[in-house]
Amino acid sequence: AYVWHAWNEYLTMHEELWRDISTQYDINRDARYNMAELFEVFHLGHADKCHDREVCVPKERAARWMDNVDDEQDGVDQDELLELFRQLPESFLPIGVVERMQNLAAISARLRWIQ
């Protein structure tokens, strides 16, 4: 009973975190993230539009970064989004982004372990 309860609790938290991210950032609601959406998820700025962001990334570099992780070239899915987060230096990201993504990564790992 305890294992089922823990599984259900992790699954609920996982779904809530993903729903929060997708409600805020998945503009076209396709469960995949394009470059513009990723920049918003991580609060990054494009080199030409960086006045209110702490970290600015040139579009060409961002495209290479995304292409290296998005192996199907169909937009970044949940696992790929977590991989992109792991590649970013956390000290450059807003604390709220870091906390949310760390929670999501930890819960995802536990769910994979429980399965």
PDB file of N, CA and C in Angstrom:
ATOM      1  N   ALA A   1       0.831  -1.190   0.000  1.00  0.00           N
ATOM      2  CA  ALA A   1       0.000   0.000   0.000  1.00  0.00           C
ATOM      3  C   ALA A   1       0.881   1.260   0.000  1.00  0.00           C
ATOM      4  N   TYR A   2       1.993   1.209   0.777  1.00  0.00           N
ATOM      5  CA  TYR A   2       2.862   2.371   0.843  1.00  0.00           C
ATOM      6  C   TYR A   2       3.480   2.681  -0.510  1.00  0.00           C
ATOM      7  N   VAL A   3       3.939   1.649  -1.211  1.00  0.00           N
ATOM      8  CA  VAL A   3       4.565   1.848  -2.519  1.00  0.00           C
ATOM      9  C   VAL A   3       3.565   2.462  -3.484  1.00  0.00           C
ATOM     10  N   TRP A   4       2.342   1.970  -3.471  1.00  0.00           N
ATOM     11  CA  TRP A   4       1.303   2.523  -4.359  1.00  0.00           C
ATOM     12  C   TRP A   4       1.042   3.988  -4.018  1.00  0.00           C
ATOM     13  N   HIS A   5       0.960   4.298  -2.734  1.00  0.00           N
ATOM     14  CA  HIS A   5       0.713   5.677  -2.307  1.00  0.00           C
ATOM     15  C   HIS A   5       1.866   6.586  -2.745  1.00  0.00           C
ATOM     16  N   ALA A   6       3.096   6.139  -2.544  1.00  0.00           N
ATOM     17  CA  ALA A   6       4.269   6.931  -2.944  1.00  0.00           C
ATOM     18  C   ALA A   6       4.280   7.126  -4.456  1.00  0.00           C
ATOM     19  N   TRP A   7       4.021   6.065  -5.201  1.00  0.00           N
ATOM     20  CA  TRP A   7       3.974   6.141  -6.665  1.00  0.00           C
ATOM     21  C   TRP A   7       2.930   7.169  -7.105  1.00  0.00           C
ATOM     22  N   ASN A   8       1.737   7.081  -6.527  1.00  0.00           N
ATOM     23  CA  ASN A   8       0.654   7.991  -6.889  1.00  0.00           C
ATOM     24  C   ASN A   8       1.004   9.435  -6.538  1.00  0.00           C
ATOM     25  N   GLU A   9       1.642   9.639  -5.393  1.00  0.00           N
ATOM     26  CA  GLU A   9       2.037  10.984  -4.984  1.00  0.00           C
ATOM     27  C   GLU A   9       3.077  11.567  -5.939  1.00  0.00           C
ATOM     28  N   TYR A  10       4.089  10.788  -6.289  1.00  0.00           N
ATOM     29  CA  TYR A  10       5.107  11.253  -7.241  1.00  0.00           C
ATOM     30  C   TYR A  10       4.500  11.524  -8.609  1.00  0.00           C
ATOM     31  N   LEU A  11       3.631  10.652  -9.042  1.00  0.00           N
ATOM     32  CA  LEU A  11       2.990  10.826 -10.341  1.00  0.00           C
ATOM     33  C   LEU A  11       2.160  12.115 -10.369  1.00  0.00           C
ATOM     34  N   THR A  12       1.429  12.378  -9.308  1.00  0.00           N
ATOM     35  CA  THR A  12       0.622  13.597  -9.220  1.00  0.00           C
ATOM     36  C   THR A  12       1.510  14.839  -9.237  1.00  0.00           C
ATOM     37  N   MET A  13       2.599  14.831  -8.455  1.00  0.00           N
ATOM     38  CA  MET A  13       3.516  15.978  -8.443  1.00  0.00           C
ATOM     39  C   MET A  13       4.146  16.178  -9.818  1.00  0.00           C
ATOM     40  N   HIS A  14       4.536  15.087 -10.452  1.00  0.00           N
ATOM     41  CA  HIS A  14       5.139  15.131 -11.783  1.00  0.00           C
ATOM     42  C   HIS A  14       4.176  15.773 -12.782  1.00  0.00           C
ATOM     43  N   GLU A  15       2.946  15.314 -12.784  1.00  0.00           N
ATOM     44  CA  GLU A  15       1.934  15.855 -13.703  1.00  0.00           C
ATOM     45  C   GLU A  15       1.670  17.332 -13.428  1.00  0.00           C
ATOM     46  N   GLU A  16       1.605  17.714 -12.145  1.00  0.00           N
ATOM     47  CA  GLU A  16       1.354  19.110 -11.798  1.00  0.00           C
ATOM     48  C   GLU A  16       2.492  20.019 -12.252  1.00  0.00           C
ATOM     49  N   LEU A  17       3.734  19.584 -12.058  1.00  0.00           N
ATOM     50  CA  LEU A  17       4.879  20.390 -12.491  1.00  0.00           C
ATOM     51  C   LEU A  17       4.889  20.547 -14.012  1.00  0.00           C
ATOM     52  N   TRP A  18       4.661  19.452 -14.740  1.00  0.00           N
ATOM     53  CA  TRP A  18       4.630  19.552 -16.207  1.00  0.00           C
ATOM     54  C   TRP A  18       3.470  20.408 -16.674  1.00  0.00           C
ATOM     55  N   ARG A  19       2.316  20.287 -16.020  1.00  0.00           N
ATOM     56  CA  ARG A  19       1.152  21.106 -16.396  1.00  0.00           C
ATOM     57  C   ARG A  19       1.466  22.586 -16.176  1.00  0.00           C
ATOM     58  N   ASP A  20       2.135  22.897 -15.080  1.00  0.00           N
ATOM     59  CA  ASP A  20       2.519  24.273 -14.793  1.00  0.00           C
ATOM     60  C   ASP A  20       3.443  24.825 -15.886  1.00  0.00           C
ATOM     61  N   ILE A  21       4.459  24.038 -16.248  1.00  0.00           N
ATOM     62  CA  ILE A  21       5.388  24.478 -17.292  1.00  0.00           C
ATOM     63  C   ILE A  21       4.659  24.634 -18.614  1.00  0.00           C
ATOM     64  N   SER A  22       3.854  23.643 -18.977  1.00  0.00           N
ATOM     65  CA  SER A  22       3.204  23.734 -20.269  1.00  0.00           C
ATOM     66  C   SER A  22       2.152  24.826 -20.327  1.00  0.00           C
ATOM     67  N   THR A  23       1.463  25.081 -19.229  1.00  0.00           N
ATOM     68  CA  THR A  23       0.478  26.163 -19.214  1.00  0.00           C
ATOM     69  C   THR A  23       1.160  27.512 -19.418  1.00  0.00           C
ATOM     70  N   GLN A  24       2.308  27.683 -18.797  1.00  0.00           N
ATOM     71  CA  GLN A  24       3.010  28.961 -18.896  1.00  0.00           C
ATOM     72  C   GLN A  24       3.792  29.136 -20.190  1.00  0.00           C
ATOM     73  N   TYR A  25       4.366  28.067 -20.718  1.00  0.00           N
ATOM     74  CA  TYR A  25       5.361  28.238 -21.777  1.00  0.00           C
ATOM     75  C   TYR A  25       5.085  27.525 -23.099  1.00  0.00           C
ATOM     76  N   ASP A  26       4.248  26.510 -23.114  1.00  0.00           N
ATOM     77  CA  ASP A  26       3.982  25.789 -24.361  1.00  0.00           C
ATOM     78  C   ASP A  26       2.906  26.541 -25.136  1.00  0.00           C
ATOM     79  N   ILE A  27       3.336  27.526 -25.873  1.00  0.00           N
ATOM     80  CA  ILE A  27       2.431  28.468 -26.529  1.00  0.00           C
ATOM     81  C   ILE A  27       1.450  27.778 -27.474  1.00  0.00           C
ATOM     82  N   ASN A  28       1.932  26.857 -28.288  1.00  0.00           N
ATOM     83  CA  ASN A  28       1.057  26.204 -29.256  1.00  0.00           C
ATOM     84  C   ASN A  28       0.438  24.908 -28.727  1.00  0.00           C
ATOM     85  N   ARG A  29       0.687  24.568 -27.486  1.00  0.00           N
ATOM     86  CA  ARG A  29       0.073  23.430 -26.795  1.00  0.00           C
ATOM     87  C   ARG A  29       0.298  22.087 -27.495  1.00  0.00           C
ATOM     88  N   ASP A  30       1.509  21.890 -28.019  1.00  0.00           N
ATOM     89  CA  ASP A  30       1.805  20.640 -28.730  1.00  0.00           C
ATOM     90  C   ASP A  30       2.659  19.681 -27.900  1.00  0.00           C
ATOM     91  N   ALA A  31       2.912  20.007 -26.634  1.00  0.00           N
ATOM     92  CA  ALA A  31       3.728  19.189 -25.731  1.00  0.00           C
ATOM     93  C   ALA A  31       5.169  19.059 -26.221  1.00  0.00           C
ATOM     94  N   ARG A  32       5.588  19.968 -27.063  1.00  0.00           N
ATOM     95  CA  ARG A  32       6.967  20.056 -27.546  1.00  0.00           C
ATOM     96  C   ARG A  32       7.367  21.527 -27.433  1.00  0.00           C
ATOM     97  N   TYR A  33       8.625  21.766 -27.179  1.00  0.00           N
ATOM     98  CA  TYR A  33       9.085  23.133 -26.981  1.00  0.00           C
ATOM     99  C   TYR A  33      10.009  23.542 -28.115  1.00  0.00           C
ATOM    100  N   ASN A  34       9.673  24.670 -28.751  1.00  0.00           N
ATOM    101  CA  ASN A  34      10.546  25.218 -29.786  1.00  0.00           C
ATOM    102  C   ASN A  34      11.529  26.181 -29.119  1.00  0.00           C
ATOM    103  N   MET A  35      12.379  26.786 -29.903  1.00  0.00           N
ATOM    104  CA  MET A  35      13.432  27.621 -29.335  1.00  0.00           C
ATOM    105  C   MET A  35      12.851  28.807 -28.555  1.00  0.00           C
ATOM    106  N   ALA A  36      11.857  29.475 -29.091  1.00  0.00           N
ATOM    107  CA  ALA A  36      11.271  30.624 -28.391  1.00  0.00           C
ATOM    108  C   ALA A  36      10.686  30.199 -27.046  1.00  0.00           C
ATOM    109  N   GLU A  37      10.026  29.056 -27.021  1.00  0.00           N
ATOM    110  CA  GLU A  37       9.441  28.566 -25.772  1.00  0.00           C
ATOM    111  C   GLU A  37      10.530  28.186 -24.774  1.00  0.00           C
ATOM    112  N   LEU A  38      11.605  27.567 -25.260  1.00  0.00           N
ATOM    113  CA  LEU A  38      12.712  27.202 -24.370  1.00  0.00           C
ATOM    114  C   LEU A  38      13.360  28.423 -23.738  1.00  0.00           C
ATOM    115  N   PHE A  39      13.502  29.474 -24.519  1.00  0.00           N
ATOM    116  CA  PHE A  39      14.088  30.698 -23.973  1.00  0.00           C
ATOM    117  C   PHE A  39      13.231  31.233 -22.829  1.00  0.00           C
ATOM    118  N   GLU A  40      11.934  31.098 -22.948  1.00  0.00           N
ATOM    119  CA  GLU A  40      11.049  31.538 -21.869  1.00  0.00           C
ATOM    120  C   GLU A  40      11.107  30.602 -20.664  1.00  0.00           C
ATOM    121  N   VAL A  41      11.128  29.294 -20.902  1.00  0.00           N
ATOM    122  CA  VAL A  41      11.206  28.331 -19.798  1.00  0.00           C
ATOM    123  C   VAL A  41      12.419  28.631 -18.925  1.00  0.00           C
ATOM    124  N   PHE A  42      13.562  28.860 -19.562  1.00  0.00           N
ATOM    125  CA  PHE A  42      14.807  29.060 -18.824  1.00  0.00           C
ATOM    126  C   PHE A  42      15.132  30.535 -18.567  1.00  0.00           C
ATOM    127  N   HIS A  43      14.260  31.434 -18.991  1.00  0.00           N
ATOM    128  CA  HIS A  43      14.474  32.875 -18.820  1.00  0.00           C
ATOM    129  C   HIS A  43      15.783  33.338 -19.443  1.00  0.00           C
ATOM    130  N   LEU A  44      16.039  32.863 -20.635  1.00  0.00           N
ATOM    131  CA  LEU A  44      17.211  33.272 -21.391  1.00  0.00           C
ATOM    132  C   LEU A  44      16.821  34.389 -22.341  1.00  0.00           C
ATOM    133  N   GLY A  45      17.790  35.146 -22.793  1.00  0.00           N
ATOM    134  CA  GLY A  45      17.542  36.182 -23.781  1.00  0.00           C
ATOM    135  C   GLY A  45      18.294  35.890 -25.059  1.00  0.00           C
ATOM    136  N   HIS A  46      17.697  36.276 -26.172  1.00  0.00           N
ATOM    137  CA  HIS A  46      18.416  36.226 -27.451  1.00  0.00           C
ATOM    138  C   HIS A  46      19.377  37.403 -27.463  1.00  0.00           C
ATOM    139  N   ALA A  47      20.450  37.263 -28.176  1.00  0.00           N
ATOM    140  CA  ALA A  47      21.464  38.312 -28.222  1.00  0.00           C
ATOM    141  C   ALA A  47      20.873  39.644 -28.674  1.00  0.00           C
ATOM    142  N   ASP A  48      19.871  39.616 -29.552  1.00  0.00           N
ATOM    143  CA  ASP A  48      19.280  40.859 -30.047  1.00  0.00           C
ATOM    144  C   ASP A  48      18.119  41.344 -29.181  1.00  0.00           C
ATOM    145  N   LYS A  49      17.760  40.595 -28.135  1.00  0.00           N
ATOM    146  CA  LYS A  49      16.606  40.947 -27.304  1.00  0.00           C
ATOM    147  C   LYS A  49      16.905  40.504 -25.875  1.00  0.00           C
ATOM    148  N   CYS A  50      17.844  41.182 -25.257  1.00  0.00           N
ATOM    149  CA  CYS A  50      18.403  40.675 -24.011  1.00  0.00           C
ATOM    150  C   CYS A  50      18.324  41.664 -22.855  1.00  0.00           C
ATOM    151  N   HIS A  51      17.665  42.753 -23.025  1.00  0.00           N
ATOM    152  CA  HIS A  51      17.702  43.822 -22.017  1.00  0.00           C
ATOM    153  C   HIS A  51      17.182  43.420 -20.649  1.00  0.00           C
ATOM    154  N   ASP A  52      16.230  42.487 -20.558  1.00  0.00           N
ATOM    155  CA  ASP A  52      15.664  42.142 -19.260  1.00  0.00           C
ATOM    156  C   ASP A  52      16.058  40.749 -18.781  1.00  0.00           C
ATOM    157  N   ARG A  53      17.054  40.161 -19.408  1.00  0.00           N
ATOM    158  CA  ARG A  53      17.485  38.802 -19.049  1.00  0.00           C
ATOM    159  C   ARG A  53      18.925  38.814 -18.569  1.00  0.00           C
ATOM    160  N   GLU A  54      19.231  37.925 -17.641  1.00  0.00           N
ATOM    161  CA  GLU A  54      20.588  37.850 -17.110  1.00  0.00           C
ATOM    162  C   GLU A  54      21.539  37.125 -18.051  1.00  0.00           C
ATOM    163  N   VAL A  55      21.026  36.133 -18.782  1.00  0.00           N
ATOM    164  CA  VAL A  55      21.871  35.330 -19.667  1.00  0.00           C
ATOM    165  C   VAL A  55      21.391  35.516 -21.098  1.00  0.00           C
ATOM    166  N   CYS A  56      22.314  35.861 -21.967  1.00  0.00           N
ATOM    167  CA  CYS A  56      22.010  36.050 -23.383  1.00  0.00           C
ATOM    168  C   CYS A  56      22.725  34.988 -24.202  1.00  0.00           C
ATOM    169  N   VAL A  57      22.007  34.389 -25.137  1.00  0.00           N
ATOM    170  CA  VAL A  57      22.562  33.322 -25.966  1.00  0.00           C
ATOM    171  C   VAL A  57      22.316  33.685 -27.425  1.00  0.00           C
ATOM    172  N   PRO A  58      23.353  33.691 -28.252  1.00  0.00           N
ATOM    173  CA  PRO A  58      23.143  33.945 -29.681  1.00  0.00           C
ATOM    174  C   PRO A  58      22.230  32.871 -30.277  1.00  0.00           C
ATOM    175  N   LYS A  59      21.377  33.259 -31.204  1.00  0.00           N
ATOM    176  CA  LYS A  59      20.413  32.334 -31.795  1.00  0.00           C
ATOM    177  C   LYS A  59      21.094  31.125 -32.428  1.00  0.00           C
ATOM    178  N   GLU A  60      22.222  31.335 -33.090  1.00  0.00           N
ATOM    179  CA  GLU A  60      22.910  30.215 -33.747  1.00  0.00           C
ATOM    180  C   GLU A  60      23.376  29.182 -32.729  1.00  0.00           C
ATOM    181  N   ARG A  61      23.910  29.649 -31.613  1.00  0.00           N
ATOM    182  CA  ARG A  61      24.379  28.733 -30.568  1.00  0.00           C
ATOM    183  C   ARG A  61      23.193  28.011 -29.930  1.00  0.00           C
ATOM    184  N   ALA A  62      22.118  28.741 -29.724  1.00  0.00           N
ATOM    185  CA  ALA A  62      20.916  28.122 -29.151  1.00  0.00           C
ATOM    186  C   ALA A  62      20.370  27.047 -30.079  1.00  0.00           C
ATOM    187  N   ALA A  63      20.395  27.300 -31.380  1.00  0.00           N
ATOM    188  CA  ALA A  63      19.912  26.311 -32.344  1.00  0.00           C
ATOM    189  C   ALA A  63      20.767  25.051 -32.307  1.00  0.00           C
ATOM    190  N   ARG A  64      22.087  25.201 -32.227  1.00  0.00           N
ATOM    191  CA  ARG A  64      22.973  24.032 -32.135  1.00  0.00           C
ATOM    192  C   ARG A  64      22.740  23.265 -30.843  1.00  0.00           C
ATOM    193  N   TRP A  65      22.584  23.999 -29.755  1.00  0.00           N
ATOM    194  CA  TRP A  65      22.339  23.393 -28.444  1.00  0.00           C
ATOM    195  C   TRP A  65      21.055  22.571 -28.481  1.00  0.00           C
ATOM    196  N   MET A  66      19.996  23.156 -29.021  1.00  0.00           N
ATOM    197  CA  MET A  66      18.709  22.471 -29.104  1.00  0.00           C
ATOM    198  C   MET A  66      18.794  21.268 -30.048  1.00  0.00           C
ATOM    199  N   ASP A  67      19.443  21.431 -31.191  1.00  0.00           N
ATOM    200  CA  ASP A  67      19.554  20.340 -32.168  1.00  0.00           C
ATOM    201  C   ASP A  67      20.327  19.156 -31.614  1.00  0.00           C
ATOM    202  N   ASN A  68      21.316  19.410 -30.764  1.00  0.00           N
ATOM    203  CA  ASN A  68      22.091  18.320 -30.172  1.00  0.00           C
ATOM    204  C   ASN A  68      21.258  17.456 -29.233  1.00  0.00           C
ATOM    205  N   VAL A  69      20.229  18.030 -28.650  1.00  0.00           N
ATOM    206  CA  VAL A  69      19.389  17.291 -27.701  1.00  0.00           C
ATOM    207  C   VAL A  69      18.123  16.772 -28.363  1.00  0.00           C
ATOM    208  N   ASP A  70      17.555  17.528 -29.275  1.00  0.00           N
ATOM    209  CA  ASP A  70      16.308  17.154 -29.947  1.00  0.00           C
ATOM    210  C   ASP A  70      16.624  16.186 -31.087  1.00  0.00           C
ATOM    211  N   ASP A  71      16.875  14.941 -30.726  1.00  0.00           N
ATOM    212  CA  ASP A  71      17.350  13.975 -31.714  1.00  0.00           C
ATOM    213  C   ASP A  71      16.328  13.633 -32.802  1.00  0.00           C
ATOM    214  N   GLU A  72      15.039  13.775 -32.516  1.00  0.00           N
ATOM    215  CA  GLU A  72      14.039  13.507 -33.546  1.00  0.00           C
ATOM    216  C   GLU A  72      13.727  14.743 -34.389  1.00  0.00           C
ATOM    217  N   GLN A  73      14.273  15.889 -33.983  1.00  0.00           N
ATOM    218  CA  GLN A  73      14.037  17.167 -34.681  1.00  0.00           C
ATOM    219  C   GLN A  73      12.542  17.488 -34.783  1.00  0.00           C
ATOM    220  N   ASP A  74      11.812  17.212 -33.714  1.00  0.00           N
ATOM    221  CA  ASP A  74      10.368  17.445 -33.698  1.00  0.00           C
ATOM    222  C   ASP A  74       9.947  18.372 -32.568  1.00  0.00           C
ATOM    223  N   GLY A  75      10.894  19.100 -32.015  1.00  0.00           N
ATOM    224  CA  GLY A  75      10.627  19.931 -30.851  1.00  0.00           C
ATOM    225  C   GLY A  75      11.087  19.180 -29.611  1.00  0.00           C
ATOM    226  N   VAL A  76      11.396  19.894 -28.583  1.00  0.00           N
ATOM    227  CA  VAL A  76      11.951  19.323 -27.361  1.00  0.00           C
ATOM    228  C   VAL A  76      10.828  18.748 -26.507  1.00  0.00           C
ATOM    229  N   ASP A  77      10.935  17.448 -26.198  1.00  0.00           N
ATOM    230  CA  ASP A  77       9.935  16.809 -25.346  1.00  0.00           C
ATOM    231  C   ASP A  77      10.372  16.913 -23.884  1.00  0.00           C
ATOM    232  N   GLN A  78       9.650  16.273 -22.989  1.00  0.00           N
ATOM    233  CA  GLN A  78       9.919  16.393 -21.563  1.00  0.00           C
ATOM    234  C   GLN A  78      11.317  15.912 -21.182  1.00  0.00           C
ATOM    235  N   ASP A  79      11.704  14.734 -21.647  1.00  0.00           N
ATOM    236  CA  ASP A  79      13.031  14.219 -21.303  1.00  0.00           C
ATOM    237  C   ASP A  79      14.135  15.106 -21.863  1.00  0.00           C
ATOM    238  N   GLU A  80      13.935  15.594 -23.072  1.00  0.00           N
ATOM    239  CA  GLU A  80      14.932  16.468 -23.695  1.00  0.00           C
ATOM    240  C   GLU A  80      15.012  17.812 -22.972  1.00  0.00           C
ATOM    241  N   LEU A  81      13.875  18.304 -22.481  1.00  0.00           N
ATOM    242  CA  LEU A  81      13.871  19.552 -21.717  1.00  0.00           C
ATOM    243  C   LEU A  81      14.702  19.399 -20.446  1.00  0.00           C
ATOM    244  N   LEU A  82      14.559  18.263 -19.775  1.00  0.00           N
ATOM    245  CA  LEU A  82      15.365  18.012 -18.576  1.00  0.00           C
ATOM    246  C   LEU A  82      16.842  17.904 -18.917  1.00  0.00           C
ATOM    247  N   GLU A  83      17.164  17.298 -20.051  1.00  0.00           N
ATOM    248  CA  GLU A  83      18.558  17.210 -20.489  1.00  0.00           C
ATOM    249  C   GLU A  83      19.128  18.603 -20.755  1.00  0.00           C
ATOM    250  N   LEU A  84      18.354  19.469 -21.403  1.00  0.00           N
ATOM    251  CA  LEU A  84      18.815  20.841 -21.641  1.00  0.00           C
ATOM    252  C   LEU A  84      19.078  21.553 -20.322  1.00  0.00           C
ATOM    253  N   PHE A  85      18.189  21.366 -19.348  1.00  0.00           N
ATOM    254  CA  PHE A  85      18.379  21.976 -18.035  1.00  0.00           C
ATOM    255  C   PHE A  85      19.689  21.501 -17.404  1.00  0.00           C
ATOM    256  N   ARG A  86      19.965  20.213 -17.496  1.00  0.00           N
ATOM    257  CA  ARG A  86      21.196  19.666 -16.912  1.00  0.00           C
ATOM    258  C   ARG A  86      22.443  20.283 -17.533  1.00  0.00           C
ATOM    259  N   GLN A  87      22.339  20.744 -18.763  1.00  0.00           N
ATOM    260  CA  GLN A  87      23.487  21.314 -19.457  1.00  0.00           C
ATOM    261  C   GLN A  87      23.710  22.791 -19.130  1.00  0.00           C
ATOM    262  N   LEU A  88      22.719  23.435 -18.544  1.00  0.00           N
ATOM    263  CA  LEU A  88      22.842  24.864 -18.233  1.00  0.00           C
ATOM    264  C   LEU A  88      23.523  25.077 -16.885  1.00  0.00           C
ATOM    265  N   PRO A  89      24.358  26.093 -16.790  1.00  0.00           N
ATOM    266  CA  PRO A  89      24.944  26.418 -15.481  1.00  0.00           C
ATOM    267  C   PRO A  89      23.859  27.038 -14.589  1.00  0.00           C
ATOM    268  N   GLU A  90      23.522  26.343 -13.523  1.00  0.00           N
ATOM    269  CA  GLU A  90      22.426  26.784 -12.661  1.00  0.00           C
ATOM    270  C   GLU A  90      22.643  28.170 -12.082  1.00  0.00           C
ATOM    271  N   SER A  91      23.878  28.555 -11.884  1.00  0.00           N
ATOM    272  CA  SER A  91      24.145  29.863 -11.283  1.00  0.00           C
ATOM    273  C   SER A  91      23.700  31.014 -12.193  1.00  0.00           C
ATOM    274  N   PHE A  92      23.488  30.752 -13.469  1.00  0.00           N
ATOM    275  CA  PHE A  92      23.034  31.798 -14.392  1.00  0.00           C
ATOM    276  C   PHE A  92      21.518  31.907 -14.464  1.00  0.00           C
ATOM    277  N   LEU A  93      20.813  30.943 -13.920  1.00  0.00           N
ATOM    278  CA  LEU A  93      19.358  30.901 -14.042  1.00  0.00           C
ATOM    279  C   LEU A  93      18.685  31.465 -12.800  1.00  0.00           C
ATOM    280  N   PRO A  94      17.484  32.033 -12.968  1.00  0.00           N
ATOM    281  CA  PRO A  94      16.735  32.492 -11.797  1.00  0.00           C
ATOM    282  C   PRO A  94      16.445  31.322 -10.854  1.00  0.00           C
ATOM    283  N   ILE A  95      16.467  31.582  -9.572  1.00  0.00           N
ATOM    284  CA  ILE A  95      16.315  30.534  -8.564  1.00  0.00           C
ATOM    285  C   ILE A  95      15.005  29.777  -8.743  1.00  0.00           C
ATOM    286  N   GLY A  96      13.936  30.448  -9.131  1.00  0.00           N
ATOM    287  CA  GLY A  96      12.650  29.771  -9.340  1.00  0.00           C
ATOM    288  C   GLY A  96      12.710  28.739 -10.454  1.00  0.00           C
ATOM    289  N   VAL A  97      13.421  29.055 -11.512  1.00  0.00           N
ATOM    290  CA  VAL A  97      13.593  28.111 -12.626  1.00  0.00           C
ATOM    291  C   VAL A  97      14.402  26.907 -12.147  1.00  0.00           C
ATOM    292  N   VAL A  98      15.480  27.168 -11.435  1.00  0.00           N
ATOM    293  CA  VAL A  98      16.339  26.085 -10.945  1.00  0.00           C
ATOM    294  C   VAL A  98      15.550  25.162 -10.017  1.00  0.00           C
ATOM    295  N   GLU A  99      14.834  25.730  -9.069  1.00  0.00           N
ATOM    296  CA  GLU A  99      14.081  24.909  -8.118  1.00  0.00           C
ATOM    297  C   GLU A  99      13.033  24.058  -8.812  1.00  0.00           C
ATOM    298  N   ARG A 100      12.276  24.656  -9.738  1.00  0.00           N
ATOM    299  CA  ARG A 100      11.230  23.914 -10.441  1.00  0.00           C
ATOM    300  C   ARG A 100      11.835  22.774 -11.260  1.00  0.00           C
ATOM    301  N   MET A 101      12.900  23.057 -11.989  1.00  0.00           N
ATOM    302  CA  MET A 101      13.495  22.036 -12.842  1.00  0.00           C
ATOM    303  C   MET A 101      14.198  20.962 -12.015  1.00  0.00           C
ATOM    304  N   GLN A 102      14.811  21.335 -10.895  1.00  0.00           N
ATOM    305  CA  GLN A 102      15.429  20.333 -10.020  1.00  0.00           C
ATOM    306  C   GLN A 102      14.370  19.396  -9.445  1.00  0.00           C
ATOM    307  N   ASN A 103      13.250  19.961  -9.014  1.00  0.00           N
ATOM    308  CA  ASN A 103      12.149  19.137  -8.506  1.00  0.00           C
ATOM    309  C   ASN A 103      11.651  18.180  -9.578  1.00  0.00           C
ATOM    310  N   LEU A 104      11.464  18.704 -10.771  1.00  0.00           N
ATOM    311  CA  LEU A 104      10.963  17.886 -11.870  1.00  0.00           C
ATOM    312  C   LEU A 104      11.945  16.770 -12.216  1.00  0.00           C
ATOM    313  N   ALA A 105      13.226  17.082 -12.270  1.00  0.00           N
ATOM    314  CA  ALA A 105      14.243  16.069 -12.574  1.00  0.00           C
ATOM    315  C   ALA A 105      14.284  14.994 -11.487  1.00  0.00           C
ATOM    316  N   ALA A 106      14.205  15.399 -10.234  1.00  0.00           N
ATOM    317  CA  ALA A 106      14.244  14.430  -9.135  1.00  0.00           C
ATOM    318  C   ALA A 106      13.020  13.520  -9.160  1.00  0.00           C
ATOM    319  N   ILE A 107      11.861  14.088  -9.370  1.00  0.00           N
ATOM    320  CA  ILE A 107      10.637  13.284  -9.409  1.00  0.00           C
ATOM    321  C   ILE A 107      10.654  12.351 -10.616  1.00  0.00           C
ATOM    322  N   SER A 108      11.108  12.839 -11.758  1.00  0.00           N
ATOM    323  CA  SER A 108      11.188  12.000 -12.953  1.00  0.00           C
ATOM    324  C   SER A 108      12.117  10.816 -12.721  1.00  0.00           C
ATOM    325  N   ALA A 109      13.245  11.075 -12.075  1.00  0.00           N
ATOM    326  CA  ALA A 109      14.198   9.999 -11.783  1.00  0.00           C
ATOM    327  C   ALA A 109      13.585   8.974 -10.832  1.00  0.00           C
ATOM    328  N   ARG A 110      12.876   9.438  -9.829  1.00  0.00           N
ATOM    329  CA  ARG A 110      12.229   8.499  -8.886  1.00  0.00           C
ATOM    330  C   ARG A 110      11.174   7.665  -9.592  1.00  0.00           C
ATOM    331  N   LEU A 111      10.399   8.294 -10.459  1.00  0.00           N
ATOM    332  CA  LEU A 111       9.376   7.546 -11.183  1.00  0.00           C
ATOM    333  C   LEU A 111       9.996   6.477 -12.077  1.00  0.00           C
ATOM    334  N   ARG A 112      11.097   6.804 -12.732  1.00  0.00           N
ATOM    335  CA  ARG A 112      11.785   5.804 -13.556  1.00  0.00           C
ATOM    336  C   ARG A 112      12.323   4.672 -12.695  1.00  0.00           C
ATOM    337  N   TRP A 113      12.849   5.007 -11.509  1.00  0.00           N
ATOM    338  CA  TRP A 113      13.388   4.010 -10.604  1.00  0.00           C
ATOM    339  C   TRP A 113      12.281   3.087 -10.088  1.00  0.00           C
ATOM    340  N   ILE A 114      11.128   3.656  -9.749  1.00  0.00           N
ATOM    341  CA  ILE A 114      10.018   2.867  -9.207  1.00  0.00           C
ATOM    342  C   ILE A 114       9.457   1.925 -10.274  1.00  0.00           C
ATOM    343  N   GLN A 115       9.460   2.380 -11.518  1.00  0.00           N
ATOM    344  CA  GLN A 115       8.915   1.530 -12.599  1.00  0.00           C
ATOM    345  C   GLN A 115       9.767   0.313 -12.717  1.00  0.00           C
TER     346      GLN A 115
END
